[in-house]
Amino acid sequence: MPVVKTVKKGEAMKKLLLLAVCAVFVFGLGCSKLGSLGGAPKLDMTNETTMKTSAEKMMASLSKDKQQEFSQAVATIAVHVMISAHMDKKDITQDNAQEVLMQNLKTYLDGKTADQIIEQAKQFQSEVEAFSKNASMKK
């Protein structure tokens, strides 16, 4: 029978945060001069190689300001994914934390353009602000 190590939620959240930072770094790496034909590049999260290649193409197609906005959007979505996983009380272990994060990120990022990803992050930010406003009104 396989041994599954369970991790305290605080430790799992720290690991997921570290993975989110790594994901942002991967997306931030791509400033190569790879062009794209036929419209805005889309993120392909089929595997690590396609993710990196498509992120590089996407970043190369963006202005410096848009690159920063895109990187921030990916970070926002990664934090949303981590909080959602924690709130959903998913069983996150040391062994599956990266897989859980990447699968959930794939849901929000795969097949989307930079503008779509930025819009998704803005939506999450609006939801957080509305929640915070409602919580402060109840006090």
Protein backbone atom coordinates (compact mmCIF):
# COMPACT_ATOMS: atom_id res chain seq x y z
CA MET A 1 0.00 0.00 0.00
CA PRO A 2 1.50 3.40 -0.95
CA VAL A 3 2.44 5.71 1.83
CA VAL A 4 0.94 9.17 1.54
CA LYS A 5 2.39 11.90 3.68
CA THR A 6 -0.13 14.46 4.77
CA VAL A 7 1.14 17.92 5.33
CA LYS A 8 -0.18 20.51 7.72
CA LYS A 9 -2.25 23.08 5.89
CA GLY A 10 0.25 25.84 6.69
CA GLU A 11 3.09 23.82 5.21
CA ALA A 12 1.03 22.95 2.14
CA MET A 13 0.12 26.61 1.62
CA LYS A 14 3.80 27.60 1.89
CA LYS A 15 4.69 24.97 -0.70
CA LEU A 16 1.90 26.11 -3.01
CA LEU A 17 3.00 29.73 -2.61
CA LEU A 18 6.54 28.73 -3.54
CA LEU A 19 5.19 26.89 -6.60
CA ALA A 20 3.14 29.94 -7.55
CA VAL A 21 6.24 32.11 -7.37
CA CYS A 22 8.02 29.56 -9.57
CA ALA A 23 5.13 29.64 -12.04
CA VAL A 24 5.34 33.43 -12.21
CA PHE A 25 9.09 33.13 -12.76
CA VAL A 26 8.54 30.69 -15.63
CA PHE A 27 6.06 33.08 -17.25
CA GLY A 28 8.42 35.99 -16.63
CA LEU A 29 11.35 34.27 -18.30
CA GLY A 30 10.15 34.59 -21.83
CA CYS A 31 11.43 37.73 -23.42
CA SER A 32 12.86 36.07 -26.49
CA LYS A 33 12.19 37.40 -29.96
CA LEU A 34 9.87 34.58 -30.97
CA GLY A 35 7.07 36.05 -33.02
CA SER A 36 3.59 34.76 -33.48
CA LEU A 37 1.46 34.50 -36.60
CA GLY A 38 -2.28 34.70 -36.77
CA GLY A 39 -3.34 36.74 -33.76
CA ALA A 40 -2.37 36.95 -30.14
CA PRO A 41 -0.41 33.99 -28.80
CA LYS A 42 -2.25 31.63 -26.48
CA LEU A 43 -0.84 29.79 -23.52
CA ASP A 44 -0.49 26.03 -24.10
CA MET A 45 -0.29 24.18 -20.80
CA THR A 46 -0.28 20.69 -22.29
CA ASN A 47 3.09 20.01 -20.66
CA GLU A 48 6.05 21.90 -19.20
CA THR A 49 7.76 22.34 -22.59
CA THR A 50 4.70 23.73 -24.38
CA MET A 51 3.93 25.93 -21.37
CA LYS A 52 7.41 27.47 -21.42
CA THR A 53 7.52 27.88 -25.20
CA SER A 54 4.07 29.45 -25.42
CA ALA A 55 4.80 31.73 -22.43
CA GLU A 56 8.00 32.90 -24.15
CA LYS A 57 6.09 33.66 -27.37
CA MET A 58 3.41 35.45 -25.41
CA MET A 59 5.89 37.56 -23.45
CA ALA A 60 7.81 38.45 -26.63
CA SER A 61 4.61 39.78 -28.18
CA LEU A 62 3.91 42.13 -25.26
CA SER A 63 5.24 45.58 -24.43
CA LYS A 64 7.30 45.91 -21.24
CA ASP A 65 4.30 47.38 -19.38
CA LYS A 66 2.00 44.62 -20.61
CA GLN A 67 4.61 41.98 -19.63
CA GLN A 68 4.53 43.33 -16.08
CA GLU A 69 0.73 43.41 -16.06
CA PHE A 70 0.63 39.84 -17.40
CA SER A 71 3.12 38.57 -14.79
CA GLN A 72 1.07 40.21 -12.04
CA ALA A 73 -2.10 38.63 -13.45
CA VAL A 74 -0.53 35.17 -13.38
CA ALA A 75 0.53 35.76 -9.76
CA THR A 76 -3.02 36.87 -8.86
CA ILE A 77 -4.51 33.78 -10.47
CA ALA A 78 -1.93 31.53 -8.76
CA VAL A 79 -2.84 33.00 -5.37
CA HIS A 80 -6.54 32.55 -6.18
CA VAL A 81 -5.87 28.90 -7.07
CA MET A 82 -4.01 28.33 -3.80
CA ILE A 83 -6.71 29.95 -1.69
CA SER A 84 -9.42 28.02 -3.53
CA ALA A 85 -7.59 24.74 -2.95
CA HIS A 86 -7.28 25.59 0.74
CA MET A 87 -10.93 26.68 1.03
CA ASP A 88 -12.11 23.57 -0.82
CA LYS A 89 -10.11 21.55 1.72
CA LYS A 90 -8.50 19.50 -1.01
CA ASP A 91 -6.11 16.86 0.24
CA ILE A 92 -2.81 18.41 -0.62
CA THR A 93 0.32 16.50 0.22
CA GLN A 94 3.98 17.18 -0.38
CA ASP A 95 3.85 14.65 -3.18
CA ASN A 96 0.91 16.18 -5.07
CA ALA A 97 1.09 19.92 -4.27
CA GLN A 98 2.76 20.87 -7.57
CA GLU A 99 0.41 18.69 -9.58
CA VAL A 100 -2.67 20.18 -7.85
CA LEU A 101 -1.46 23.74 -8.44
CA MET A 102 -0.58 23.13 -12.10
CA GLN A 103 -3.88 21.35 -12.81
CA ASN A 104 -5.85 24.21 -11.27
CA LEU A 105 -3.73 26.84 -13.05
CA LYS A 106 -4.36 25.00 -16.30
CA THR A 107 -8.09 25.50 -15.78
CA TYR A 108 -7.65 29.27 -15.75
CA LEU A 109 -4.72 29.75 -18.14
CA ASP A 110 -4.70 27.08 -20.86
CA GLY A 111 -5.67 28.31 -24.32
CA LYS A 112 -5.99 31.94 -23.23
CA THR A 113 -4.31 35.07 -24.51
CA ALA A 114 -2.48 37.52 -22.26
CA ASP A 115 -5.47 39.89 -22.39
CA GLN A 116 -7.85 37.10 -21.35
CA ILE A 117 -5.56 36.13 -18.46
CA ILE A 118 -5.30 39.77 -17.35
CA GLU A 119 -9.11 40.08 -17.47
CA GLN A 120 -9.50 36.89 -15.40
CA ALA A 121 -7.14 38.29 -12.76
CA LYS A 122 -9.10 41.57 -12.69
CA GLN A 123 -12.29 39.60 -12.13
CA PHE A 124 -10.71 37.74 -9.20
CA GLN A 125 -9.45 41.03 -7.77
CA SER A 126 -12.95 42.54 -8.04
CA GLU A 127 -14.41 39.53 -6.23
CA VAL A 128 -11.87 39.91 -3.43
CA GLU A 129 -12.61 43.63 -3.12
CA ALA A 130 -16.39 42.98 -3.03
CA PHE A 131 -15.91 40.29 -0.38
CA SER A 132 -13.72 42.60 1.70
CA LYS A 133 -16.23 45.41 1.41
CA ASN A 134 -19.10 43.16 2.48
CA ALA A 135 -17.06 41.75 5.38
CA SER A 136 -16.20 45.24 6.64
CA MET A 137 -19.86 46.34 6.43
CA LYS A 138 -20.92 43.47 8.70
CA LYS A 139 -18.64 44.63 11.52
